[in-house]
Amino acid sequence: MHIKSNDTVIVLSGRDKGKQGKVMNVDPKGGKAIVEGISVAKRHKKPRKQGEPGGIITMETPIYVSKLMRVCPKCSKPTRQAFAFEEDGTKYRICKKCGAGI
């Protein structure tokens, strides 16, 4: 998967097109991610225990990863990622536009 937790992403299509947010959780099996402030839904919650408040809560719903593109922290542009290898053989991600390590 090209998106990982704590990445900053931009939405490419849908009702939240153009918005940016931080990835909170990724589901590789389902191909979805939960992004902070994106795809927000309201849910009516009933109090289950005594003293627990009920009401309408807002929560982020999962969005398909194919609708997201990573934003480079250095150049602040949406970009694809490439991989590079260090001398000891470890692999890391780089920005295709500016070449900075992600």
C-alpha atoms as a PDB file:
ATOM      1  CA  MET A   1       0.000   0.000   0.000  1.00  0.00           C
ATOM      2  CA  HIS A   2       1.298   3.445  -0.874  1.00  0.00           C
ATOM      3  CA  ILE A   3      -0.427   5.125   2.087  1.00  0.00           C
ATOM      4  CA  LYS A   4       0.648   4.553   5.690  1.00  0.00           C
ATOM      5  CA  SER A   5      -0.484   5.901   9.061  1.00  0.00           C
ATOM      6  CA  ASN A   6       0.535   9.489   9.891  1.00  0.00           C
ATOM      7  CA  ASP A   7       0.917  10.390   6.187  1.00  0.00           C
ATOM      8  CA  THR A   8      -0.596  13.653   4.965  1.00  0.00           C
ATOM      9  CA  VAL A   9      -2.885  12.999   1.999  1.00  0.00           C
ATOM     10  CA  ILE A  10      -5.145  14.911  -0.379  1.00  0.00           C
ATOM     11  CA  VAL A  11      -8.488  13.617  -1.675  1.00  0.00           C
ATOM     12  CA  LEU A  12      -8.635  13.251  -5.472  1.00  0.00           C
ATOM     13  CA  SER A  13     -12.361  12.636  -6.008  1.00  0.00           C
ATOM     14  CA  GLY A  14     -15.693  12.657  -4.232  1.00  0.00           C
ATOM     15  CA  ARG A  15     -17.486  15.198  -2.064  1.00  0.00           C
ATOM     16  CA  ASP A  16     -14.287  16.021  -0.147  1.00  0.00           C
ATOM     17  CA  LYS A  17     -12.173  16.605  -3.270  1.00  0.00           C
ATOM     18  CA  GLY A  18      -9.181  18.866  -2.613  1.00  0.00           C
ATOM     19  CA  LYS A  19      -9.202  18.519   1.179  1.00  0.00           C
ATOM     20  CA  GLN A  20      -6.084  17.477   3.060  1.00  0.00           C
ATOM     21  CA  GLY A  21      -5.849  15.413   6.194  1.00  0.00           C
ATOM     22  CA  LYS A  22      -3.695  13.075   8.256  1.00  0.00           C
ATOM     23  CA  VAL A  23      -4.178   9.315   7.942  1.00  0.00           C
ATOM     24  CA  MET A  24      -5.230   7.832  11.272  1.00  0.00           C
ATOM     25  CA  ASN A  25      -5.766   4.175  10.357  1.00  0.00           C
ATOM     26  CA  VAL A  26      -5.210   1.952   7.282  1.00  0.00           C
ATOM     27  CA  ASP A  27      -7.010  -1.270   6.339  1.00  0.00           C
ATOM     28  CA  PRO A  28      -4.844  -3.004   3.707  1.00  0.00           C
ATOM     29  CA  LYS A  29      -7.246  -5.931   3.280  1.00  0.00           C
ATOM     30  CA  GLY A  30     -10.194  -3.668   2.465  1.00  0.00           C
ATOM     31  CA  GLY A  31      -8.099  -1.089   0.611  1.00  0.00           C
ATOM     32  CA  LYS A  32      -9.425   1.753   2.753  1.00  0.00           C
ATOM     33  CA  ALA A  33      -8.070   4.370   5.127  1.00  0.00           C
ATOM     34  CA  ILE A  34      -9.530   6.652   7.777  1.00  0.00           C
ATOM     35  CA  VAL A  35      -8.419  10.257   7.318  1.00  0.00           C
ATOM     36  CA  GLU A  36      -8.837  12.942   9.958  1.00  0.00           C
ATOM     37  CA  GLY A  37     -11.596  15.409   8.978  1.00  0.00           C
ATOM     38  CA  ILE A  38     -12.441  13.643   5.693  1.00  0.00           C
ATOM     39  CA  SER A  39     -15.654  11.711   4.920  1.00  0.00           C
ATOM     40  CA  VAL A  40     -17.320  12.737   8.161  1.00  0.00           C
ATOM     41  CA  ALA A  41     -20.695  11.160   9.007  1.00  0.00           C
ATOM     42  CA  LYS A  42     -23.123  11.837  11.830  1.00  0.00           C
ATOM     43  CA  ARG A  43     -24.417   8.987  13.924  1.00  0.00           C
ATOM     44  CA  HIS A  44     -27.243   8.932  16.445  1.00  0.00           C
ATOM     45  CA  LYS A  45     -25.980   7.249  19.601  1.00  0.00           C
ATOM     46  CA  LYS A  46     -28.212   5.957  22.345  1.00  0.00           C
ATOM     47  CA  PRO A  47     -26.895   5.958  25.912  1.00  0.00           C
ATOM     48  CA  ARG A  48     -26.121   2.373  26.983  1.00  0.00           C
ATOM     49  CA  LYS A  49     -25.031   2.838  30.603  1.00  0.00           C
ATOM     50  CA  GLN A  50     -26.418   5.014  33.331  1.00  0.00           C
ATOM     51  CA  GLY A  51     -24.782   8.423  33.213  1.00  0.00           C
ATOM     52  CA  GLU A  52     -23.450   7.947  29.659  1.00  0.00           C
ATOM     53  CA  PRO A  53     -24.541  10.764  27.351  1.00  0.00           C
ATOM     54  CA  GLY A  54     -26.365  10.065  24.122  1.00  0.00           C
ATOM     55  CA  GLY A  55     -26.877  12.276  21.097  1.00  0.00           C
ATOM     56  CA  ILE A  56     -25.477  12.894  17.661  1.00  0.00           C
ATOM     57  CA  ILE A  57     -21.755  12.192  17.271  1.00  0.00           C
ATOM     58  CA  THR A  58     -19.544  12.838  14.243  1.00  0.00           C
ATOM     59  CA  MET A  59     -17.067  10.219  13.091  1.00  0.00           C
ATOM     60  CA  GLU A  60     -14.768   9.683  10.134  1.00  0.00           C
ATOM     61  CA  THR A  61     -15.723   6.852   7.791  1.00  0.00           C
ATOM     62  CA  PRO A  62     -13.224   4.851   5.696  1.00  0.00           C
ATOM     63  CA  ILE A  63     -12.355   6.071   2.191  1.00  0.00           C
ATOM     64  CA  TYR A  64     -10.772   4.056  -0.616  1.00  0.00           C
ATOM     65  CA  VAL A  65      -6.999   4.482  -0.878  1.00  0.00           C
ATOM     66  CA  SER A  66      -7.270   4.897  -4.656  1.00  0.00           C
ATOM     67  CA  LYS A  67      -8.959   8.262  -4.029  1.00  0.00           C
ATOM     68  CA  LEU A  68      -6.014   9.506  -1.943  1.00  0.00           C
ATOM     69  CA  MET A  69      -2.608  10.865  -2.937  1.00  0.00           C
ATOM     70  CA  ARG A  70       0.280  11.529  -0.600  1.00  0.00           C
ATOM     71  CA  VAL A  71       1.488  15.101  -0.023  1.00  0.00           C
ATOM     72  CA  CYS A  72       5.247  15.632   0.189  1.00  0.00           C
ATOM     73  CA  PRO A  73       6.251  17.272   3.495  1.00  0.00           C
ATOM     74  CA  LYS A  74       9.071  19.256   1.831  1.00  0.00           C
ATOM     75  CA  CYS A  75       7.494  20.636  -1.368  1.00  0.00           C
ATOM     76  CA  SER A  76       3.841  20.451  -0.125  1.00  0.00           C
ATOM     77  CA  LYS A  77       2.625  19.044  -3.448  1.00  0.00           C
ATOM     78  CA  PRO A  78       0.618  15.875  -4.096  1.00  0.00           C
ATOM     79  CA  THR A  79       3.048  13.341  -5.471  1.00  0.00           C
ATOM     80  CA  ARG A  80       3.599   9.714  -6.232  1.00  0.00           C
ATOM     81  CA  GLN A  81       6.296   7.982  -4.298  1.00  0.00           C
ATOM     82  CA  ALA A  82       9.360   6.100  -5.422  1.00  0.00           C
ATOM     83  CA  PHE A  83      11.658   3.856  -3.457  1.00  0.00           C
ATOM     84  CA  ALA A  84      15.389   4.189  -2.921  1.00  0.00           C
ATOM     85  CA  PHE A  85      17.887   2.002  -1.119  1.00  0.00           C
ATOM     86  CA  GLU A  86      20.551   3.015   1.373  1.00  0.00           C
ATOM     87  CA  GLU A  87      24.019   1.462   1.399  1.00  0.00           C
ATOM     88  CA  ASP A  88      23.044  -1.027   4.093  1.00  0.00           C
ATOM     89  CA  GLY A  89      20.085  -2.231   1.983  1.00  0.00           C
ATOM     90  CA  THR A  90      17.183  -0.579   3.794  1.00  0.00           C
ATOM     91  CA  LYS A  91      14.391   0.726   1.576  1.00  0.00           C
ATOM     92  CA  TYR A  92      12.833   4.165   2.061  1.00  0.00           C
ATOM     93  CA  ARG A  93      10.299   6.319   0.232  1.00  0.00           C
ATOM     94  CA  ILE A  94      11.188   9.436  -1.789  1.00  0.00           C
ATOM     95  CA  CYS A  95       9.138  12.149  -3.519  1.00  0.00           C
ATOM     96  CA  LYS A  96       9.085  11.902  -7.306  1.00  0.00           C
ATOM     97  CA  LYS A  97       8.794  15.675  -7.750  1.00  0.00           C
ATOM     98  CA  CYS A  98      11.552  17.005  -5.480  1.00  0.00           C
ATOM     99  CA  GLY A  99      13.484  13.837  -4.590  1.00  0.00           C
ATOM    100  CA  ALA A 100      13.291  14.403  -0.833  1.00  0.00           C
ATOM    101  CA  GLY A 101      13.014  11.475   1.559  1.00  0.00           C
ATOM    102  CA  ILE A 102       9.554  10.902   2.957  1.00  0.00           C
END
